[in-house]
PDB file of N, CA and C in Angstrom:
ATOM      1  N   UNK A   1     -88.745   4.212 -13.053  1.00  0.00           N
ATOM      2  CA  UNK A   1     -89.715   5.140 -12.533  1.00  0.00           C
ATOM      3  C   UNK A   1     -88.959   6.194 -11.730  1.00  0.00           C
ATOM      4  N   UNK A   2     -88.932   7.392 -12.206  1.00  0.00           N
ATOM      5  CA  UNK A   2     -88.227   8.473 -11.531  1.00  0.00           C
ATOM      6  C   UNK A   2     -89.208   9.315 -10.727  1.00  0.00           C
ATOM      7  N   UNK A   3     -88.884   9.537  -9.483  1.00  0.00           N
ATOM      8  CA  UNK A   3     -89.703  10.363  -8.613  1.00  0.00           C
ATOM      9  C   UNK A   3     -88.846  11.541  -8.190  1.00  0.00           C
ATOM     10  N   UNK A   4     -89.356  12.729  -8.377  1.00  0.00           N
ATOM     11  CA  UNK A   4     -88.609  13.922  -8.009  1.00  0.00           C
ATOM     12  C   UNK A   4     -89.468  14.816  -7.128  1.00  0.00           C
ATOM     13  N   UNK A   5     -88.817  15.543  -6.260  1.00  0.00           N
ATOM     14  CA  UNK A   5     -89.503  16.467  -5.369  1.00  0.00           C
ATOM     15  C   UNK A   5     -89.236  17.876  -5.877  1.00  0.00           C
ATOM     16  N   UNK A   6     -90.300  18.642  -6.094  1.00  0.00           N
ATOM     17  CA  UNK A   6     -90.169  19.994  -6.622  1.00  0.00           C
ATOM     18  C   UNK A   6     -90.560  21.008  -5.556  1.00  0.00           C
ATOM     19  N   UNK A   7     -89.952  22.182  -5.648  1.00  0.00           N
ATOM     20  CA  UNK A   7     -90.283  23.289  -4.754  1.00  0.00           C
ATOM     21  C   UNK A   7     -91.452  24.060  -5.362  1.00  0.00           C
ATOM     22  N   UNK A   8     -92.627  23.922  -4.778  1.00  0.00           N
ATOM     23  CA  UNK A   8     -93.833  24.574  -5.297  1.00  0.00           C
ATOM     24  C   UNK A   8     -94.239  25.770  -4.444  1.00  0.00           C
ATOM     25  N   UNK A   9     -93.344  26.246  -3.581  1.00  0.00           N
ATOM     26  CA  UNK A   9     -93.695  27.334  -2.678  1.00  0.00           C
ATOM     27  C   UNK A   9     -93.679  28.694  -3.360  1.00  0.00           C
ATOM     28  N   UNK A  10     -93.001  28.830  -4.499  1.00  0.00           N
ATOM     29  CA  UNK A  10     -92.937  30.105  -5.209  1.00  0.00           C
ATOM     30  C   UNK A  10     -93.887  30.075  -6.402  1.00  0.00           C
ATOM     31  N   UNK A  11     -95.063  30.692  -6.301  1.00  0.00           N
ATOM     32  CA  UNK A  11     -96.036  30.618  -7.388  1.00  0.00           C
ATOM     33  C   UNK A  11     -95.587  31.374  -8.645  1.00  0.00           C
ATOM     34  N   UNK A  12     -94.703  32.385  -8.510  1.00  0.00           N
ATOM     35  CA  UNK A  12     -94.264  33.167  -9.663  1.00  0.00           C
ATOM     36  C   UNK A  12     -93.062  32.536 -10.374  1.00  0.00           C
ATOM     37  N   UNK A  13     -92.597  31.449  -9.855  1.00  0.00           N
ATOM     38  CA  UNK A  13     -91.406  30.825 -10.433  1.00  0.00           C
ATOM     39  C   UNK A  13     -91.735  30.234 -11.802  1.00  0.00           C
ATOM     40  N   UNK A  14     -90.940  30.607 -12.806  1.00  0.00           N
ATOM     41  CA  UNK A  14     -91.168  30.067 -14.147  1.00  0.00           C
ATOM     42  C   UNK A  14     -90.574  28.670 -14.277  1.00  0.00           C
ATOM     43  N   UNK A  15     -89.583  28.374 -13.466  1.00  0.00           N
ATOM     44  CA  UNK A  15     -88.971  27.035 -13.478  1.00  0.00           C
ATOM     45  C   UNK A  15     -89.172  26.390 -12.125  1.00  0.00           C
ATOM     46  N   UNK A  16     -89.393  25.097 -12.137  1.00  0.00           N
ATOM     47  CA  UNK A  16     -89.496  24.372 -10.879  1.00  0.00           C
ATOM     48  C   UNK A  16     -88.094  23.969 -10.443  1.00  0.00           C
ATOM     49  N   UNK A  17     -87.791  24.189  -9.201  1.00  0.00           N
ATOM     50  CA  UNK A  17     -86.476  23.859  -8.677  1.00  0.00           C
ATOM     51  C   UNK A  17     -86.522  22.441  -8.092  1.00  0.00           C
ATOM     52  N   UNK A  18     -85.598  21.584  -8.533  1.00  0.00           N
ATOM     53  CA  UNK A  18     -85.547  20.211  -8.032  1.00  0.00           C
ATOM     54  C   UNK A  18     -84.853  20.212  -6.680  1.00  0.00           C
ATOM     55  N   UNK A  19     -85.557  19.719  -5.665  1.00  0.00           N
ATOM     56  CA  UNK A  19     -84.983  19.648  -4.326  1.00  0.00           C
ATOM     57  C   UNK A  19     -84.222  18.351  -4.106  1.00  0.00           C
ATOM     58  N   UNK A  20     -84.711  17.290  -4.685  1.00  0.00           N
ATOM     59  CA  UNK A  20     -84.070  15.982  -4.511  1.00  0.00           C
ATOM     60  C   UNK A  20     -84.143  15.251  -5.838  1.00  0.00           C
ATOM     61  N   UNK A  21     -83.001  14.803  -6.335  1.00  0.00           N
ATOM     62  CA  UNK A  21     -82.993  14.129  -7.622  1.00  0.00           C
ATOM     63  C   UNK A  21     -83.398  12.667  -7.468  1.00  0.00           C
ATOM     64  N   UNK A  22     -83.728  12.049  -8.565  1.00  0.00           N
ATOM     65  CA  UNK A  22     -84.118  10.642  -8.566  1.00  0.00           C
ATOM     66  C   UNK A  22     -82.906   9.776  -8.237  1.00  0.00           C
ATOM     67  N   UNK A  23     -83.118   8.627  -7.595  1.00  0.00           N
ATOM     68  CA  UNK A  23     -81.991   7.746  -7.267  1.00  0.00           C
ATOM     69  C   UNK A  23     -81.326   7.210  -8.539  1.00  0.00           C
ATOM     70  N   UNK A  24     -80.040   6.975  -8.453  1.00  0.00           N
ATOM     71  CA  UNK A  24     -79.307   6.468  -9.605  1.00  0.00           C
ATOM     72  C   UNK A  24     -79.610   4.986  -9.814  1.00  0.00           C
ATOM     73  N   UNK A  25     -79.272   4.502 -10.987  1.00  0.00           N
ATOM     74  CA  UNK A  25     -79.499   3.082 -11.272  1.00  0.00           C
ATOM     75  C   UNK A  25     -78.690   2.201 -10.343  1.00  0.00           C
ATOM     76  N   UNK A  26     -77.492   2.658  -9.997  1.00  0.00           N
ATOM     77  CA  UNK A  26     -76.650   1.881  -9.080  1.00  0.00           C
ATOM     78  C   UNK A  26     -77.320   1.762  -7.712  1.00  0.00           C
ATOM     79  N   UNK A  27     -77.889   2.861  -7.216  1.00  0.00           N
ATOM     80  CA  UNK A  27     -78.581   2.821  -5.925  1.00  0.00           C
ATOM     81  C   UNK A  27     -79.804   1.915  -5.981  1.00  0.00           C
ATOM     82  N   UNK A  28     -80.537   1.976  -7.087  1.00  0.00           N
ATOM     83  CA  UNK A  28     -81.708   1.107  -7.229  1.00  0.00           C
ATOM     84  C   UNK A  28     -81.301  -0.363  -7.268  1.00  0.00           C
ATOM     85  N   UNK A  29     -80.200  -0.670  -7.966  1.00  0.00           N
ATOM     86  CA  UNK A  29     -79.737  -2.054  -8.049  1.00  0.00           C
ATOM     87  C   UNK A  29     -79.293  -2.554  -6.681  1.00  0.00           C
ATOM     88  N   UNK A  30     -78.571  -1.708  -5.937  1.00  0.00           N
ATOM     89  CA  UNK A  30     -78.138  -2.102  -4.588  1.00  0.00           C
ATOM     90  C   UNK A  30     -79.324  -2.353  -3.677  1.00  0.00           C
ATOM     91  N   UNK A  31     -80.320  -1.477  -3.739  1.00  0.00           N
ATOM     92  CA  UNK A  31     -81.509  -1.637  -2.906  1.00  0.00           C
ATOM     93  C   UNK A  31     -82.251  -2.922  -3.257  1.00  0.00           C
ATOM     94  N   UNK A  32     -82.400  -3.176  -4.573  1.00  0.00           N
ATOM     95  CA  UNK A  32     -83.085  -4.398  -5.001  1.00  0.00           C
ATOM     96  C   UNK A  32     -82.312  -5.636  -4.550  1.00  0.00           C
ATOM     97  N   UNK A  33     -80.985  -5.628  -4.674  1.00  0.00           N
ATOM     98  CA  UNK A  33     -80.183  -6.776  -4.245  1.00  0.00           C
ATOM     99  C   UNK A  33     -80.291  -6.990  -2.742  1.00  0.00           C
ATOM    100  N   UNK A  34     -80.334  -5.894  -1.987  1.00  0.00           N
ATOM    101  CA  UNK A  34     -80.461  -6.014  -0.533  1.00  0.00           C
ATOM    102  C   UNK A  34     -81.793  -6.656  -0.161  1.00  0.00           C
ATOM    103  N   UNK A  35     -82.876  -6.221  -0.811  1.00  0.00           N
ATOM    104  CA  UNK A  35     -84.184  -6.804  -0.498  1.00  0.00           C
ATOM    105  C   UNK A  35     -84.282  -8.263  -0.945  1.00  0.00           C
ATOM    106  N   UNK A  36     -83.641  -8.605  -2.051  1.00  0.00           N
ATOM    107  CA  UNK A  36     -83.620 -10.006  -2.487  1.00  0.00           C
ATOM    108  C   UNK A  36     -82.888 -10.855  -1.457  1.00  0.00           C
ATOM    109  N   UNK A  37     -81.748 -10.366  -0.963  1.00  0.00           N
ATOM    110  CA  UNK A  37     -80.987 -11.097   0.049  1.00  0.00           C
ATOM    111  C   UNK A  37     -81.798 -11.275   1.333  1.00  0.00           C
ATOM    112  N   UNK A  38     -82.470 -10.225   1.752  1.00  0.00           N
ATOM    113  CA  UNK A  38     -83.306 -10.316   2.959  1.00  0.00           C
ATOM    114  C   UNK A  38     -84.440 -11.313   2.739  1.00  0.00           C
ATOM    115  N   UNK A  39     -85.061 -11.291   1.565  1.00  0.00           N
ATOM    116  CA  UNK A  39     -86.161 -12.220   1.271  1.00  0.00           C
ATOM    117  C   UNK A  39     -85.711 -13.665   1.244  1.00  0.00           C
ATOM    118  N   UNK A  40     -84.585 -13.930   0.600  1.00  0.00           N
ATOM    119  CA  UNK A  40     -84.063 -15.303   0.535  1.00  0.00           C
ATOM    120  C   UNK A  40     -83.695 -15.789   1.931  1.00  0.00           C
ATOM    121  N   UNK A  41     -83.069 -14.932   2.709  1.00  0.00           N
ATOM    122  CA  UNK A  41     -82.706 -15.302   4.082  1.00  0.00           C
ATOM    123  C   UNK A  41     -83.948 -15.584   4.914  1.00  0.00           C
ATOM    124  N   UNK A  42     -84.971 -14.761   4.746  1.00  0.00           N
ATOM    125  CA  UNK A  42     -86.215 -14.950   5.499  1.00  0.00           C
ATOM    126  C   UNK A  42     -86.879 -16.281   5.154  1.00  0.00           C
ATOM    127  N   UNK A  43     -86.774 -16.680   3.897  1.00  0.00           N
ATOM    128  CA  UNK A  43     -87.355 -17.960   3.502  1.00  0.00           C
ATOM    129  C   UNK A  43     -86.480 -19.145   3.885  1.00  0.00           C
ATOM    130  N   UNK A  44     -85.170 -18.964   3.891  1.00  0.00           N
ATOM    131  CA  UNK A  44     -84.254 -20.079   4.128  1.00  0.00           C
ATOM    132  C   UNK A  44     -84.132 -20.439   5.610  1.00  0.00           C
ATOM    133  N   UNK A  45     -84.177 -19.475   6.498  1.00  0.00           N
ATOM    134  CA  UNK A  45     -83.952 -19.720   7.924  1.00  0.00           C
ATOM    135  C   UNK A  45     -84.945 -20.726   8.512  1.00  0.00           C
ATOM    136  N   UNK A  46     -86.247 -20.623   8.269  1.00  0.00           N
ATOM    137  CA  UNK A  46     -87.163 -21.624   8.850  1.00  0.00           C
ATOM    138  C   UNK A  46     -86.902 -23.043   8.333  1.00  0.00           C
ATOM    139  N   UNK A  47     -86.540 -23.176   7.059  1.00  0.00           N
ATOM    140  CA  UNK A  47     -86.267 -24.510   6.522  1.00  0.00           C
ATOM    141  C   UNK A  47     -85.001 -25.104   7.138  1.00  0.00           C
ATOM    142  N   UNK A  48     -83.983 -24.296   7.319  1.00  0.00           N
ATOM    143  CA  UNK A  48     -82.751 -24.781   7.954  1.00  0.00           C
ATOM    144  C   UNK A  48     -83.017 -25.150   9.408  1.00  0.00           C
ATOM    145  N   UNK A  49     -83.809 -24.350  10.090  1.00  0.00           N
ATOM    146  CA  UNK A  49     -84.159 -24.646  11.479  1.00  0.00           C
ATOM    147  C   UNK A  49     -84.963 -25.946  11.578  1.00  0.00           C
ATOM    148  N   UNK A  50     -85.847 -26.166  10.625  1.00  0.00           N
ATOM    149  CA  UNK A  50     -86.626 -27.417  10.625  1.00  0.00           C
ATOM    150  C   UNK A  50     -85.719 -28.619  10.378  1.00  0.00           C
ATOM    151  N   UNK A  51     -84.771 -28.479   9.462  1.00  0.00           N
ATOM    152  CA  UNK A  51     -83.834 -29.589   9.209  1.00  0.00           C
ATOM    153  C   UNK A  51     -82.992 -29.882  10.422  1.00  0.00           C
ATOM    154  N   UNK A  52     -82.553 -28.851  11.117  1.00  0.00           N
ATOM    155  CA  UNK A  52     -81.763 -29.059  12.352  1.00  0.00           C
ATOM    156  C   UNK A  52     -82.631 -29.735  13.407  1.00  0.00           C
ATOM    157  N   UNK A  53     -83.869 -29.297  13.554  1.00  0.00           N
ATOM    158  CA  UNK A  53     -84.768 -29.891  14.552  1.00  0.00           C
ATOM    159  C   UNK A  53     -85.050 -31.356  14.225  1.00  0.00           C
ATOM    160  N   UNK A  54     -85.244 -31.664  12.943  1.00  0.00           N
ATOM    161  CA  UNK A  54     -85.479 -33.055  12.556  1.00  0.00           C
ATOM    162  C   UNK A  54     -84.232 -33.893  12.778  1.00  0.00           C
ATOM    163  N   UNK A  55     -83.083 -33.342  12.505  1.00  0.00           N
ATOM    164  CA  UNK A  55     -81.827 -34.088  12.729  1.00  0.00           C
ATOM    165  C   UNK A  55     -81.584 -34.355  14.202  1.00  0.00           C
ATOM    166  N   UNK A  56     -81.902 -33.415  15.066  1.00  0.00           N
ATOM    167  CA  UNK A  56     -81.710 -33.613  16.499  1.00  0.00           C
ATOM    168  C   UNK A  56     -82.727 -34.606  17.037  1.00  0.00           C
ATOM    169  N   UNK A  57     -83.958 -34.538  16.565  1.00  0.00           N
ATOM    170  CA  UNK A  57     -85.027 -35.412  17.058  1.00  0.00           C
ATOM    171  C   UNK A  57     -84.898 -36.844  16.533  1.00  0.00           C
ATOM    172  N   UNK A  58     -84.234 -36.995  15.426  1.00  0.00           N
ATOM    173  CA  UNK A  58     -84.162 -38.330  14.806  1.00  0.00           C
ATOM    174  C   UNK A  58     -83.044 -39.080  15.331  1.00  0.00           C
TER     175      UNK A  58
END
């Protein structure tokens, strides 16, 4: 899914000028990997904390 920002301030312009290009596939992959890592960490931390708490209490 490519999202681009166009300059629409010139009504007589025959061509739309691209102000910002779409992110590259490499950038999208890095962003997706970062969010996956954050999600896995967010899910793993409470379980590890519970195991530590059970080990200390037992």
